[in-house]
């Protein structure tokens, strides 16, 4: 069973000035602590982004098939900054969910193959089911120009995280909170699986917007999302092409022959 005895012991041993801070309850935070939380989440996000780009020398380069968006506008940067800050709110809500939800297991003694590895796989599959539906809806021609078209101004993603989060906030916020929905829908998940889901998801979303040819076919390949940026009516999945294959939206990566 999930108990919070570890939290009670933790707060008793801290100085009075810190014992009032509860990571799962923002009402106990000072403004300074709130800013530190936001800064810490942004820093963690940047660490994932930089570690992803460090893989560049070890893999083949995905050839550019189009003209990349070289310069970012003030609107691009506004969306990027807003979305990065919003990530701190998502992480807070994930922490809060993990602390209070009876479906989240804590401690090594409660870990099983089903609620760790099994749950991690399920999280990615459940997430992409809803993401494919949401992403596909954003491509409806009556909606596309107002929201998702902004992201598709980049035909050849290469910046990694910057290109990944350069989306309209209306797209970014629901898309991110689908991670929380996926956790909620699982009957049981270990907190370690949740952590892996968020960290691996950050790496994969970042890599999707690079030229790094990482390929763990049929589970994950960067080229799949590269195809989506060139051919928008295909490959809607974020992490896996499972649902795209089910719904008939999958399109393999091809290289156009150069004209002579």
Protein backbone atom coordinates (compact mmCIF):
# COMPACT_ATOMS: atom_id res chain seq x y z
CA UNK A 1 0.00 0.00 0.00
CA UNK A 2 1.06 3.57 -0.59
CA UNK A 3 1.80 5.50 2.56
CA UNK A 4 3.39 8.88 3.13
CA UNK A 5 5.37 8.02 6.27
CA UNK A 6 8.56 8.93 4.43
CA UNK A 7 7.27 12.49 4.03
CA UNK A 8 6.37 12.86 7.70
CA UNK A 9 9.87 11.74 8.74
CA UNK A 10 11.44 14.04 6.17
CA UNK A 11 9.66 17.17 7.35
CA UNK A 12 10.43 16.52 11.02
CA UNK A 13 14.17 16.44 10.38
CA UNK A 14 14.31 19.70 8.41
CA UNK A 15 14.77 23.19 9.85
CA UNK A 16 11.53 25.05 10.46
CA UNK A 17 12.13 27.40 7.51
CA UNK A 18 12.22 24.46 5.08
CA UNK A 19 9.78 22.04 6.69
CA UNK A 20 6.90 24.22 5.53
CA UNK A 21 7.82 23.53 1.90
CA UNK A 22 5.87 20.59 0.52
CA UNK A 23 6.75 19.73 -3.06
CA UNK A 24 3.25 18.36 -3.71
CA UNK A 25 1.45 21.43 -2.29
CA UNK A 26 2.20 24.76 -3.99
CA UNK A 27 0.18 26.62 -1.34
CA UNK A 28 3.14 26.08 1.02
CA UNK A 29 5.64 27.68 -1.38
CA UNK A 30 7.02 31.18 -1.13
CA UNK A 31 7.46 33.26 -4.27
CA UNK A 32 11.16 32.54 -4.11
CA UNK A 33 10.58 28.80 -3.90
CA UNK A 34 8.14 28.99 -6.81
CA UNK A 35 10.74 30.74 -8.96
CA UNK A 36 13.34 28.16 -7.94
CA UNK A 37 10.95 25.37 -8.94
CA UNK A 38 10.36 26.91 -12.37
CA UNK A 39 14.10 27.49 -12.83
CA UNK A 40 14.92 23.91 -11.79
CA UNK A 41 12.41 22.39 -14.24
CA UNK A 42 13.63 24.61 -17.08
CA UNK A 43 17.23 23.69 -16.24
CA UNK A 44 16.34 19.99 -16.28
CA UNK A 45 14.64 20.46 -19.62
CA UNK A 46 17.73 22.17 -20.99
CA UNK A 47 19.94 19.36 -19.70
CA UNK A 48 17.86 16.81 -21.60
CA UNK A 49 18.01 19.01 -24.70
CA UNK A 50 21.80 19.36 -24.57
CA UNK A 51 22.40 15.68 -23.84
CA UNK A 52 20.23 14.82 -26.84
CA UNK A 53 22.30 17.03 -29.16
CA UNK A 54 25.52 15.46 -27.84
CA UNK A 55 24.50 12.26 -29.63
CA UNK A 56 25.03 13.96 -33.02
CA UNK A 57 28.58 12.65 -33.68
CA UNK A 58 27.57 9.03 -33.04
CA UNK A 59 24.78 8.70 -35.61
CA UNK A 60 24.17 9.32 -39.28
CA UNK A 61 22.77 12.66 -40.42
CA UNK A 62 19.22 12.76 -41.77
CA UNK A 63 19.43 14.60 -45.11
CA UNK A 64 17.53 17.88 -45.39
CA UNK A 65 14.67 17.77 -47.88
CA UNK A 66 13.43 21.31 -47.80
CA UNK A 67 14.36 24.76 -46.59
CA UNK A 68 14.78 25.05 -42.82
CA UNK A 69 13.39 27.92 -40.78
CA UNK A 70 16.70 29.61 -39.92
CA UNK A 71 15.49 32.67 -38.03
CA UNK A 72 13.07 32.63 -35.11
CA UNK A 73 10.64 35.55 -34.79
CA UNK A 74 9.50 37.32 -31.64
CA UNK A 75 6.33 35.21 -31.78
CA UNK A 76 8.41 32.03 -31.93
CA UNK A 77 10.37 33.07 -28.86
CA UNK A 78 7.19 34.12 -27.04
CA UNK A 79 5.69 30.68 -27.57
CA UNK A 80 8.94 28.93 -26.64
CA UNK A 81 9.34 30.82 -23.36
CA UNK A 82 5.67 30.41 -22.40
CA UNK A 83 5.77 26.68 -23.13
CA UNK A 84 8.99 26.13 -21.19
CA UNK A 85 7.54 27.88 -18.14
CA UNK A 86 4.29 25.91 -18.48
CA UNK A 87 6.29 22.69 -18.26
CA UNK A 88 7.02 23.53 -14.62
CA UNK A 89 3.27 23.53 -13.93
CA UNK A 90 2.87 20.15 -15.62
CA UNK A 91 5.69 18.61 -13.59
CA UNK A 92 4.14 19.97 -10.39
CA UNK A 93 0.81 18.36 -11.25
CA UNK A 94 2.57 15.07 -12.03
CA UNK A 95 4.31 15.18 -8.64
CA UNK A 96 1.00 15.93 -6.95
CA UNK A 97 -0.71 13.08 -8.80
CA UNK A 98 2.05 10.64 -7.88
CA UNK A 99 1.85 11.62 -4.22
CA UNK A 100 -1.92 11.40 -3.80
CA UNK A 101 -3.03 8.77 -6.32
CA UNK A 102 -3.59 5.27 -4.88
CA UNK A 103 -2.66 3.83 -8.29
CA UNK A 104 0.96 5.03 -7.99
CA UNK A 105 3.28 2.61 -6.19
CA UNK A 106 6.30 3.86 -4.23
CA UNK A 107 9.28 1.89 -2.96
CA UNK A 108 11.27 -1.00 -4.39
CA UNK A 109 9.26 -3.52 -2.41
CA UNK A 110 6.18 -2.68 -4.46
CA UNK A 111 7.87 -2.84 -7.86
CA UNK A 112 6.79 -5.57 -10.24
CA UNK A 113 7.48 -6.27 -13.90
CA UNK A 114 3.91 -5.24 -14.68
CA UNK A 115 3.88 -1.86 -12.91
CA UNK A 116 7.39 -0.89 -14.09
CA UNK A 117 8.31 -2.15 -17.57
CA UNK A 118 4.74 -3.05 -18.49
CA UNK A 119 3.40 0.28 -17.26
CA UNK A 120 6.13 2.21 -19.06
CA UNK A 121 5.24 0.59 -22.38
CA UNK A 122 1.55 1.16 -21.69
CA UNK A 123 2.14 4.83 -20.89
CA UNK A 124 3.72 5.46 -24.29
CA UNK A 125 1.00 3.55 -26.14
CA UNK A 126 -1.88 5.20 -24.25
CA UNK A 127 -0.33 8.64 -24.62
CA UNK A 128 0.15 8.30 -28.37
CA UNK A 129 -3.41 7.06 -28.84
CA UNK A 130 -4.77 10.35 -27.54
CA UNK A 131 -1.98 12.39 -29.09
CA UNK A 132 -2.63 10.97 -32.57
CA UNK A 133 -6.32 11.93 -32.26
CA UNK A 134 -5.48 15.40 -30.94
CA UNK A 135 -2.70 15.96 -33.47
CA UNK A 136 -4.90 14.79 -36.31
CA UNK A 137 -7.65 17.20 -35.22
CA UNK A 138 -5.16 20.06 -35.39
CA UNK A 139 -4.65 19.21 -39.06
CA UNK A 140 -8.33 19.69 -39.93
CA UNK A 141 -8.22 22.42 -42.57
CA UNK A 142 -10.63 24.70 -40.70
CA UNK A 143 -8.43 24.57 -37.58
CA UNK A 144 -4.90 24.11 -38.97
CA UNK A 145 -4.18 27.75 -39.98
CA UNK A 146 -4.91 29.09 -36.50
CA UNK A 147 -2.90 26.71 -34.31
CA UNK A 148 -0.71 23.97 -35.77
CA UNK A 149 0.46 25.79 -38.89
CA UNK A 150 2.86 27.76 -36.70
CA UNK A 151 4.81 24.59 -35.86
CA UNK A 152 4.89 23.46 -39.49
CA UNK A 153 6.66 26.62 -40.61
CA UNK A 154 9.69 24.51 -39.74
CA UNK A 155 9.95 21.97 -42.57
CA UNK A 156 13.42 20.74 -41.57
CA UNK A 157 13.69 20.58 -37.75
CA UNK A 158 17.27 20.83 -36.51
CA UNK A 159 17.34 22.76 -33.22
CA UNK A 160 16.03 19.94 -31.06
CA UNK A 161 14.08 21.21 -28.07
CA UNK A 162 13.65 24.73 -29.43
CA UNK A 163 11.92 23.43 -32.55
CA UNK A 164 9.98 20.88 -30.48
CA UNK A 165 8.39 23.45 -28.15
CA UNK A 166 7.93 26.13 -30.81
CA UNK A 167 4.21 25.45 -31.00
CA UNK A 168 1.05 27.40 -30.26
CA UNK A 169 0.30 27.26 -26.51
CA UNK A 170 -3.17 25.86 -27.21
CA UNK A 171 -1.41 22.89 -28.78
CA UNK A 172 1.40 22.61 -26.25
CA UNK A 173 -0.60 22.61 -23.02
CA UNK A 174 -3.18 19.91 -23.92
CA UNK A 175 -0.47 17.86 -25.62
CA UNK A 176 1.66 17.91 -22.49
CA UNK A 177 -1.20 17.16 -20.13
CA UNK A 178 -1.98 14.03 -22.11
CA UNK A 179 1.01 12.59 -20.19
CA UNK A 180 -0.93 13.10 -16.97
CA UNK A 181 -4.07 11.61 -18.50
CA UNK A 182 -2.10 8.51 -19.51
CA UNK A 183 -0.92 8.02 -15.92
CA UNK A 184 -4.45 8.48 -14.60
CA UNK A 185 -5.87 5.81 -16.91
CA UNK A 186 -3.44 3.08 -15.86
CA UNK A 187 -4.74 0.88 -13.01
CA UNK A 188 -1.29 0.76 -11.39
CA UNK A 189 2.07 2.35 -12.16
CA UNK A 190 5.31 2.54 -10.21
CA UNK A 191 6.70 6.01 -9.63
CA UNK A 192 9.92 4.88 -11.34
CA UNK A 193 7.97 4.17 -14.52
CA UNK A 194 6.47 7.66 -14.35
CA UNK A 195 9.95 9.18 -14.02
CA UNK A 196 11.25 7.16 -16.98
CA UNK A 197 8.18 8.11 -19.02
CA UNK A 198 8.75 11.82 -18.53
CA UNK A 199 12.53 11.76 -19.02
CA UNK A 200 12.51 9.41 -22.02
CA UNK A 201 9.60 11.35 -23.50
CA UNK A 202 11.65 14.55 -23.21
CA UNK A 203 14.57 12.93 -25.01
CA UNK A 204 12.39 11.48 -27.76
CA UNK A 205 10.43 14.68 -28.42
CA UNK A 206 13.71 16.60 -28.61
CA UNK A 207 15.37 14.06 -30.91
CA UNK A 208 12.32 14.16 -33.18
CA UNK A 209 13.32 17.72 -34.04
CA UNK A 210 16.97 17.04 -34.86
CA UNK A 211 18.81 15.58 -37.84
CA UNK A 212 20.13 12.70 -35.71
CA UNK A 213 19.25 9.39 -37.35
CA UNK A 214 18.36 7.33 -34.28
CA UNK A 215 16.42 4.24 -35.28
CA UNK A 216 15.02 1.60 -32.94
CA UNK A 217 12.59 0.28 -35.53
CA UNK A 218 9.76 -0.60 -35.16
CA UNK A 219 9.57 1.04 -31.72
CA UNK A 220 11.00 4.50 -32.42
CA UNK A 221 12.75 6.36 -35.21
CA UNK A 222 13.50 10.06 -35.60
CA UNK A 223 12.84 9.83 -39.34
CA UNK A 224 9.16 9.13 -38.72
CA UNK A 225 8.57 12.62 -37.32
CA UNK A 226 10.84 14.13 -39.95
CA UNK A 227 8.43 12.76 -42.54
CA UNK A 228 5.54 14.46 -40.72
CA UNK A 229 7.20 17.86 -41.05
CA UNK A 230 7.55 17.35 -44.80
CA UNK A 231 4.25 15.54 -45.35
CA UNK A 232 1.89 16.82 -42.65
CA UNK A 233 -0.96 14.39 -43.32
CA UNK A 234 1.05 11.45 -41.99
CA UNK A 235 2.90 10.09 -38.95
CA UNK A 236 0.93 11.89 -36.24
CA UNK A 237 2.42 9.92 -33.35
CA UNK A 238 4.88 11.55 -30.97
CA UNK A 239 6.77 8.53 -29.69
CA UNK A 240 5.71 5.55 -31.76
CA UNK A 241 4.09 4.85 -35.12
CA UNK A 242 1.89 2.11 -33.62
CA UNK A 243 -1.39 4.04 -33.92
CA UNK A 244 -0.43 5.56 -37.27
CA UNK A 245 -0.10 2.03 -38.62
CA UNK A 246 -3.43 1.07 -37.05
CA UNK A 247 -5.20 4.12 -38.52
CA UNK A 248 -3.41 3.95 -41.88
CA UNK A 249 -1.58 7.25 -41.47
CA UNK A 250 1.96 5.84 -41.41
CA UNK A 251 4.33 6.88 -44.19
CA UNK A 252 7.92 5.56 -44.36
CA UNK A 253 10.90 7.84 -44.78
CA UNK A 254 12.19 8.20 -48.32
CA UNK A 255 14.89 10.37 -49.86
CA UNK A 256 13.99 12.21 -53.03
CA UNK A 257 16.33 11.58 -55.91
CA UNK A 258 18.43 14.62 -56.75
CA UNK A 259 17.74 16.11 -60.15
CA UNK A 260 20.67 16.21 -62.58
